[in-house]
């Protein structure tokens, strides 16, 4: 439990949290740009598919 008292741990946690938020927003923007090139009737399905497949990517990101 001493890890919670270390300032370096809090800085690292905040840095990682900030990066996850920024990269998440980046992924959402990317998905919206790519799906905008599809026909209008396919856009909602592609957007939902992209957002559905997105979280497992983040979980495997730290394991490599």
PDB file of N, CA and C in Angstrom:
ATOM      1  N   UNK A   1       0.800  -1.199   0.000  1.00  0.00           N
ATOM      2  CA  UNK A   1       0.000   0.000   0.000  1.00  0.00           C
ATOM      3  C   UNK A   1       0.850   1.274   0.000  1.00  0.00           C
ATOM      4  N   UNK A   2       2.144   1.118   0.139  1.00  0.00           N
ATOM      5  CA  UNK A   2       3.029   2.284   0.124  1.00  0.00           C
ATOM      6  C   UNK A   2       3.083   2.932  -1.252  1.00  0.00           C
ATOM      7  N   UNK A   3       2.701   2.189  -2.269  1.00  0.00           N
ATOM      8  CA  UNK A   3       2.739   2.722  -3.632  1.00  0.00           C
ATOM      9  C   UNK A   3       1.799   3.921  -3.781  1.00  0.00           C
ATOM     10  N   UNK A   4       0.729   3.961  -2.991  1.00  0.00           N
ATOM     11  CA  UNK A   4      -0.221   5.067  -3.065  1.00  0.00           C
ATOM     12  C   UNK A   4       0.325   6.350  -2.433  1.00  0.00           C
ATOM     13  N   UNK A   5       1.373   6.242  -1.664  1.00  0.00           N
ATOM     14  CA  UNK A   5       1.969   7.413  -1.027  1.00  0.00           C
ATOM     15  C   UNK A   5       3.086   8.025  -1.865  1.00  0.00           C
ATOM     16  N   UNK A   6       3.525   7.320  -2.879  1.00  0.00           N
ATOM     17  CA  UNK A   6       4.623   7.775  -3.715  1.00  0.00           C
ATOM     18  C   UNK A   6       4.111   8.743  -4.787  1.00  0.00           C
ATOM     19  N   UNK A   7       4.686   9.928  -4.858  1.00  0.00           N
ATOM     20  CA  UNK A   7       4.251  10.942  -5.834  1.00  0.00           C
ATOM     21  C   UNK A   7       4.520  10.480  -7.261  1.00  0.00           C
ATOM     22  N   UNK A   8       5.596   9.750  -7.465  1.00  0.00           N
ATOM     23  CA  UNK A   8       5.916   9.244  -8.799  1.00  0.00           C
ATOM     24  C   UNK A   8       4.855   8.301  -9.334  1.00  0.00           C
ATOM     25  N   UNK A   9       4.262   7.533  -8.445  1.00  0.00           N
ATOM     26  CA  UNK A   9       3.192   6.619  -8.857  1.00  0.00           C
ATOM     27  C   UNK A   9       1.972   7.393  -9.329  1.00  0.00           C
ATOM     28  N   UNK A  10       1.643   8.474  -8.635  1.00  0.00           N
ATOM     29  CA  UNK A  10       0.499   9.293  -9.025  1.00  0.00           C
ATOM     30  C   UNK A  10       0.751   9.996 -10.355  1.00  0.00           C
ATOM     31  N   UNK A  11       1.973  10.465 -10.563  1.00  0.00           N
ATOM     32  CA  UNK A  11       2.314  11.108 -11.837  1.00  0.00           C
ATOM     33  C   UNK A  11       2.211  10.092 -12.970  1.00  0.00           C
ATOM     34  N   UNK A  12       2.713   8.892 -12.747  1.00  0.00           N
ATOM     35  CA  UNK A  12       2.636   7.845 -13.769  1.00  0.00           C
ATOM     36  C   UNK A  12       1.186   7.478 -14.067  1.00  0.00           C
ATOM     37  N   UNK A  13       0.373   7.364 -13.032  1.00  0.00           N
ATOM     38  CA  UNK A  13      -1.039   7.038 -13.219  1.00  0.00           C
ATOM     39  C   UNK A  13      -1.751   8.131 -14.001  1.00  0.00           C
ATOM     40  N   UNK A  14      -1.520   9.376 -13.651  1.00  0.00           N
ATOM     41  CA  UNK A  14      -2.146  10.484 -14.369  1.00  0.00           C
ATOM     42  C   UNK A  14      -1.667  10.562 -15.809  1.00  0.00           C
ATOM     43  N   UNK A  15      -0.392  10.292 -16.038  1.00  0.00           N
ATOM     44  CA  UNK A  15       0.146  10.303 -17.398  1.00  0.00           C
ATOM     45  C   UNK A  15      -0.506   9.215 -18.240  1.00  0.00           C
ATOM     46  N   UNK A  16      -0.588   8.011 -17.703  1.00  0.00           N
ATOM     47  CA  UNK A  16      -1.220   6.917 -18.438  1.00  0.00           C
ATOM     48  C   UNK A  16      -2.696   7.178 -18.699  1.00  0.00           C
ATOM     49  N   UNK A  17      -3.378   7.743 -17.716  1.00  0.00           N
ATOM     50  CA  UNK A  17      -4.792   8.071 -17.882  1.00  0.00           C
ATOM     51  C   UNK A  17      -4.975   9.102 -18.985  1.00  0.00           C
ATOM     52  N   UNK A  18      -4.146  10.127 -18.985  1.00  0.00           N
ATOM     53  CA  UNK A  18      -4.210  11.161 -20.017  1.00  0.00           C
ATOM     54  C   UNK A  18      -3.953  10.559 -21.396  1.00  0.00           C
ATOM     55  N   UNK A  19      -2.953   9.694 -21.511  1.00  0.00           N
ATOM     56  CA  UNK A  19      -2.643   9.076 -22.804  1.00  0.00           C
ATOM     57  C   UNK A  19      -3.783   8.188 -23.286  1.00  0.00           C
ATOM     58  N   UNK A  20      -4.400   7.442 -22.393  1.00  0.00           N
ATOM     59  CA  UNK A  20      -5.539   6.599 -22.774  1.00  0.00           C
ATOM     60  C   UNK A  20      -6.696   7.442 -23.297  1.00  0.00           C
ATOM     61  N   UNK A  21      -6.955   8.569 -22.648  1.00  0.00           N
ATOM     62  CA  UNK A  21      -8.036   9.446 -23.089  1.00  0.00           C
ATOM     63  C   UNK A  21      -7.720  10.027 -24.464  1.00  0.00           C
ATOM     64  N   UNK A  22      -6.508  10.531 -24.638  1.00  0.00           N
ATOM     65  CA  UNK A  22      -6.113  11.126 -25.920  1.00  0.00           C
ATOM     66  C   UNK A  22      -6.165  10.085 -27.037  1.00  0.00           C
ATOM     67  N   UNK A  23      -5.638   8.891 -26.787  1.00  0.00           N
ATOM     68  CA  UNK A  23      -5.650   7.856 -27.819  1.00  0.00           C
ATOM     69  C   UNK A  23      -7.065   7.350 -28.096  1.00  0.00           C
ATOM     70  N   UNK A  24      -7.912   7.345 -27.091  1.00  0.00           N
ATOM     71  CA  UNK A  24      -9.307   6.965 -27.296  1.00  0.00           C
ATOM     72  C   UNK A  24     -10.021   7.960 -28.184  1.00  0.00           C
ATOM     73  N   UNK A  25      -9.801   9.238 -27.938  1.00  0.00           N
ATOM     74  CA  UNK A  25     -10.391  10.275 -28.784  1.00  0.00           C
ATOM     75  C   UNK A  25      -9.849  10.167 -30.202  1.00  0.00           C
ATOM     76  N   UNK A  26      -8.551   9.895 -30.326  1.00  0.00           N
ATOM     77  CA  UNK A  26      -7.936   9.726 -31.638  1.00  0.00           C
ATOM     78  C   UNK A  26      -8.584   8.569 -32.397  1.00  0.00           C
ATOM     79  N   UNK A  27      -8.839   7.467 -31.715  1.00  0.00           N
ATOM     80  CA  UNK A  27      -9.486   6.322 -32.355  1.00  0.00           C
ATOM     81  C   UNK A  27     -10.902   6.658 -32.804  1.00  0.00           C
ATOM     82  N   UNK A  28     -11.630   7.403 -31.995  1.00  0.00           N
ATOM     83  CA  UNK A  28     -12.992   7.790 -32.363  1.00  0.00           C
ATOM     84  C   UNK A  28     -12.977   8.687 -33.599  1.00  0.00           C
ATOM     85  N   UNK A  29     -12.044   9.618 -33.648  1.00  0.00           N
ATOM     86  CA  UNK A  29     -11.924  10.496 -34.816  1.00  0.00           C
ATOM     87  C   UNK A  29     -11.567   9.679 -36.056  1.00  0.00           C
ATOM     88  N   UNK A  30     -10.635   8.748 -35.905  1.00  0.00           N
ATOM     89  CA  UNK A  30     -10.237   7.898 -37.027  1.00  0.00           C
ATOM     90  C   UNK A  30     -11.424   7.089 -37.547  1.00  0.00           C
ATOM     91  N   UNK A  31     -12.180   6.479 -36.636  1.00  0.00           N
ATOM     92  CA  UNK A  31     -13.348   5.690 -37.036  1.00  0.00           C
ATOM     93  C   UNK A  31     -14.360   6.564 -37.760  1.00  0.00           C
ATOM     94  N   UNK A  32     -14.581   7.771 -37.277  1.00  0.00           N
ATOM     95  CA  UNK A  32     -15.560   8.650 -37.928  1.00  0.00           C
ATOM     96  C   UNK A  32     -15.092   9.089 -39.317  1.00  0.00           C
ATOM     97  N   UNK A  33     -13.788   9.317 -39.493  1.00  0.00           N
ATOM     98  CA  UNK A  33     -13.262   9.702 -40.808  1.00  0.00           C
ATOM     99  C   UNK A  33     -13.386   8.539 -41.785  1.00  0.00           C
ATOM    100  N   UNK A  34     -13.023   7.355 -41.341  1.00  0.00           N
ATOM    101  CA  UNK A  34     -13.074   6.186 -42.227  1.00  0.00           C
ATOM    102  C   UNK A  34     -14.512   5.840 -42.588  1.00  0.00           C
ATOM    103  N   UNK A  35     -15.418   5.868 -41.621  1.00  0.00           N
ATOM    104  CA  UNK A  35     -16.807   5.511 -41.913  1.00  0.00           C
ATOM    105  C   UNK A  35     -17.503   6.572 -42.751  1.00  0.00           C
ATOM    106  N   UNK A  36     -17.015   7.799 -42.739  1.00  0.00           N
ATOM    107  CA  UNK A  36     -17.628   8.850 -43.556  1.00  0.00           C
ATOM    108  C   UNK A  36     -17.459   8.569 -45.046  1.00  0.00           C
ATOM    109  N   UNK A  37     -16.506   7.737 -45.405  1.00  0.00           N
ATOM    110  CA  UNK A  37     -16.266   7.408 -46.812  1.00  0.00           C
ATOM    111  C   UNK A  37     -17.210   6.313 -47.317  1.00  0.00           C
ATOM    112  N   UNK A  38     -17.942   5.678 -46.425  1.00  0.00           N
ATOM    113  CA  UNK A  38     -18.886   4.626 -46.794  1.00  0.00           C
ATOM    114  C   UNK A  38     -20.223   5.225 -47.220  1.00  0.00           C
ATOM    115  N   UNK A  39     -21.039   4.442 -47.914  1.00  0.00           N
ATOM    116  CA  UNK A  39     -22.391   4.908 -48.207  1.00  0.00           C
ATOM    117  C   UNK A  39     -23.165   5.170 -46.912  1.00  0.00           C
ATOM    118  N   UNK A  40     -24.098   6.108 -46.971  1.00  0.00           N
ATOM    119  CA  UNK A  40     -24.822   6.561 -45.769  1.00  0.00           C
ATOM    120  C   UNK A  40     -25.498   5.417 -45.016  1.00  0.00           C
ATOM    121  N   UNK A  41     -26.031   4.425 -45.734  1.00  0.00           N
ATOM    122  CA  UNK A  41     -26.740   3.341 -45.050  1.00  0.00           C
ATOM    123  C   UNK A  41     -25.787   2.379 -44.332  1.00  0.00           C
ATOM    124  N   UNK A  42     -24.518   2.369 -44.696  1.00  0.00           N
ATOM    125  CA  UNK A  42     -23.549   1.485 -44.045  1.00  0.00           C
ATOM    126  C   UNK A  42     -22.788   2.167 -42.906  1.00  0.00           C
ATOM    127  N   UNK A  43     -22.852   3.461 -42.832  1.00  0.00           N
ATOM    128  CA  UNK A  43     -22.078   4.203 -41.829  1.00  0.00           C
ATOM    129  C   UNK A  43     -22.411   3.831 -40.389  1.00  0.00           C
ATOM    130  N   UNK A  44     -23.684   3.776 -39.983  1.00  0.00           N
ATOM    131  CA  UNK A  44     -23.962   3.416 -38.576  1.00  0.00           C
ATOM    132  C   UNK A  44     -23.451   2.026 -38.198  1.00  0.00           C
ATOM    133  N   UNK A  45     -23.618   1.065 -39.110  1.00  0.00           N
ATOM    134  CA  UNK A  45     -23.161  -0.296 -38.825  1.00  0.00           C
ATOM    135  C   UNK A  45     -21.641  -0.335 -38.690  1.00  0.00           C
ATOM    136  N   UNK A  46     -20.933   0.349 -39.587  1.00  0.00           N
ATOM    137  CA  UNK A  46     -19.473   0.370 -39.535  1.00  0.00           C
ATOM    138  C   UNK A  46     -18.982   1.088 -38.287  1.00  0.00           C
ATOM    139  N   UNK A  47     -19.648   2.171 -37.912  1.00  0.00           N
ATOM    140  CA  UNK A  47     -19.266   2.915 -36.709  1.00  0.00           C
ATOM    141  C   UNK A  47     -19.440   2.048 -35.465  1.00  0.00           C
ATOM    142  N   UNK A  48     -20.569   1.361 -35.380  1.00  0.00           N
ATOM    143  CA  UNK A  48     -20.812   0.475 -34.235  1.00  0.00           C
ATOM    144  C   UNK A  48     -19.815  -0.673 -34.199  1.00  0.00           C
ATOM    145  N   UNK A  49     -19.499  -1.226 -35.351  1.00  0.00           N
ATOM    146  CA  UNK A  49     -18.529  -2.318 -35.412  1.00  0.00           C
ATOM    147  C   UNK A  49     -17.148  -1.828 -34.972  1.00  0.00           C
ATOM    148  N   UNK A  50     -16.746  -0.651 -35.442  1.00  0.00           N
ATOM    149  CA  UNK A  50     -15.452  -0.097 -35.055  1.00  0.00           C
ATOM    150  C   UNK A  50     -15.354   0.177 -33.557  1.00  0.00           C
ATOM    151  N   UNK A  51     -16.415   0.705 -32.986  1.00  0.00           N
ATOM    152  CA  UNK A  51     -16.412   0.985 -31.549  1.00  0.00           C
ATOM    153  C   UNK A  51     -16.499  -0.294 -30.724  1.00  0.00           C
ATOM    154  N   UNK A  52     -17.150  -1.316 -31.266  1.00  0.00           N
ATOM    155  CA  UNK A  52     -17.251  -2.594 -30.556  1.00  0.00           C
ATOM    156  C   UNK A  52     -15.902  -3.303 -30.522  1.00  0.00           C
ATOM    157  N   UNK A  53     -15.162  -3.242 -31.609  1.00  0.00           N
ATOM    158  CA  UNK A  53     -13.878  -3.931 -31.678  1.00  0.00           C
ATOM    159  C   UNK A  53     -12.750  -3.133 -31.043  1.00  0.00           C
ATOM    160  N   UNK A  54     -12.980  -1.870 -30.742  1.00  0.00           N
ATOM    161  CA  UNK A  54     -11.933  -1.001 -30.240  1.00  0.00           C
ATOM    162  C   UNK A  54     -11.441  -1.357 -28.824  1.00  0.00           C
ATOM    163  N   UNK A  55     -12.283  -1.592 -27.808  1.00  0.00           N
ATOM    164  CA  UNK A  55     -11.768  -1.848 -26.456  1.00  0.00           C
ATOM    165  C   UNK A  55     -10.826  -3.040 -26.313  1.00  0.00           C
ATOM    166  N   UNK A  56     -11.052  -4.194 -26.974  1.00  0.00           N
ATOM    167  CA  UNK A  56     -10.079  -5.286 -26.796  1.00  0.00           C
ATOM    168  C   UNK A  56      -8.680  -4.906 -27.271  1.00  0.00           C
ATOM    169  N   UNK A  57      -8.588  -4.029 -28.246  1.00  0.00           N
ATOM    170  CA  UNK A  57      -7.282  -3.553 -28.700  1.00  0.00           C
ATOM    171  C   UNK A  57      -6.542  -2.876 -27.557  1.00  0.00           C
ATOM    172  N   UNK A  58      -7.237  -2.082 -26.793  1.00  0.00           N
ATOM    173  CA  UNK A  58      -6.597  -1.359 -25.701  1.00  0.00           C
ATOM    174  C   UNK A  58      -6.113  -2.315 -24.614  1.00  0.00           C
ATOM    175  N   UNK A  59      -6.837  -3.387 -24.384  1.00  0.00           N
ATOM    176  CA  UNK A  59      -6.460  -4.323 -23.340  1.00  0.00           C
ATOM    177  C   UNK A  59      -5.182  -5.067 -23.706  1.00  0.00           C
ATOM    178  N   UNK A  60      -4.956  -5.338 -24.996  1.00  0.00           N
ATOM    179  CA  UNK A  60      -3.764  -6.061 -25.401  1.00  0.00           C
ATOM    180  C   UNK A  60      -2.585  -5.131 -25.623  1.00  0.00           C
ATOM    181  N   UNK A  61      -2.828  -3.828 -25.649  1.00  0.00           N
ATOM    182  CA  UNK A  61      -1.792  -2.839 -25.918  1.00  0.00           C
ATOM    183  C   UNK A  61      -0.657  -2.900 -24.886  1.00  0.00           C
ATOM    184  N   UNK A  62      -0.986  -3.014 -23.621  1.00  0.00           N
ATOM    185  CA  UNK A  62       0.015  -3.002 -22.579  1.00  0.00           C
ATOM    186  C   UNK A  62       0.742  -4.330 -22.390  1.00  0.00           C
ATOM    187  N   UNK A  63       0.218  -5.397 -22.984  1.00  0.00           N
ATOM    188  CA  UNK A  63       0.823  -6.703 -22.768  1.00  0.00           C
ATOM    189  C   UNK A  63       1.992  -6.987 -23.706  1.00  0.00           C
ATOM    190  N   UNK A  64       2.202  -6.137 -24.717  1.00  0.00           N
ATOM    191  CA  UNK A  64       3.313  -6.381 -25.644  1.00  0.00           C
ATOM    192  C   UNK A  64       4.533  -5.611 -25.247  1.00  0.00           C
TER     193      UNK A  64
END
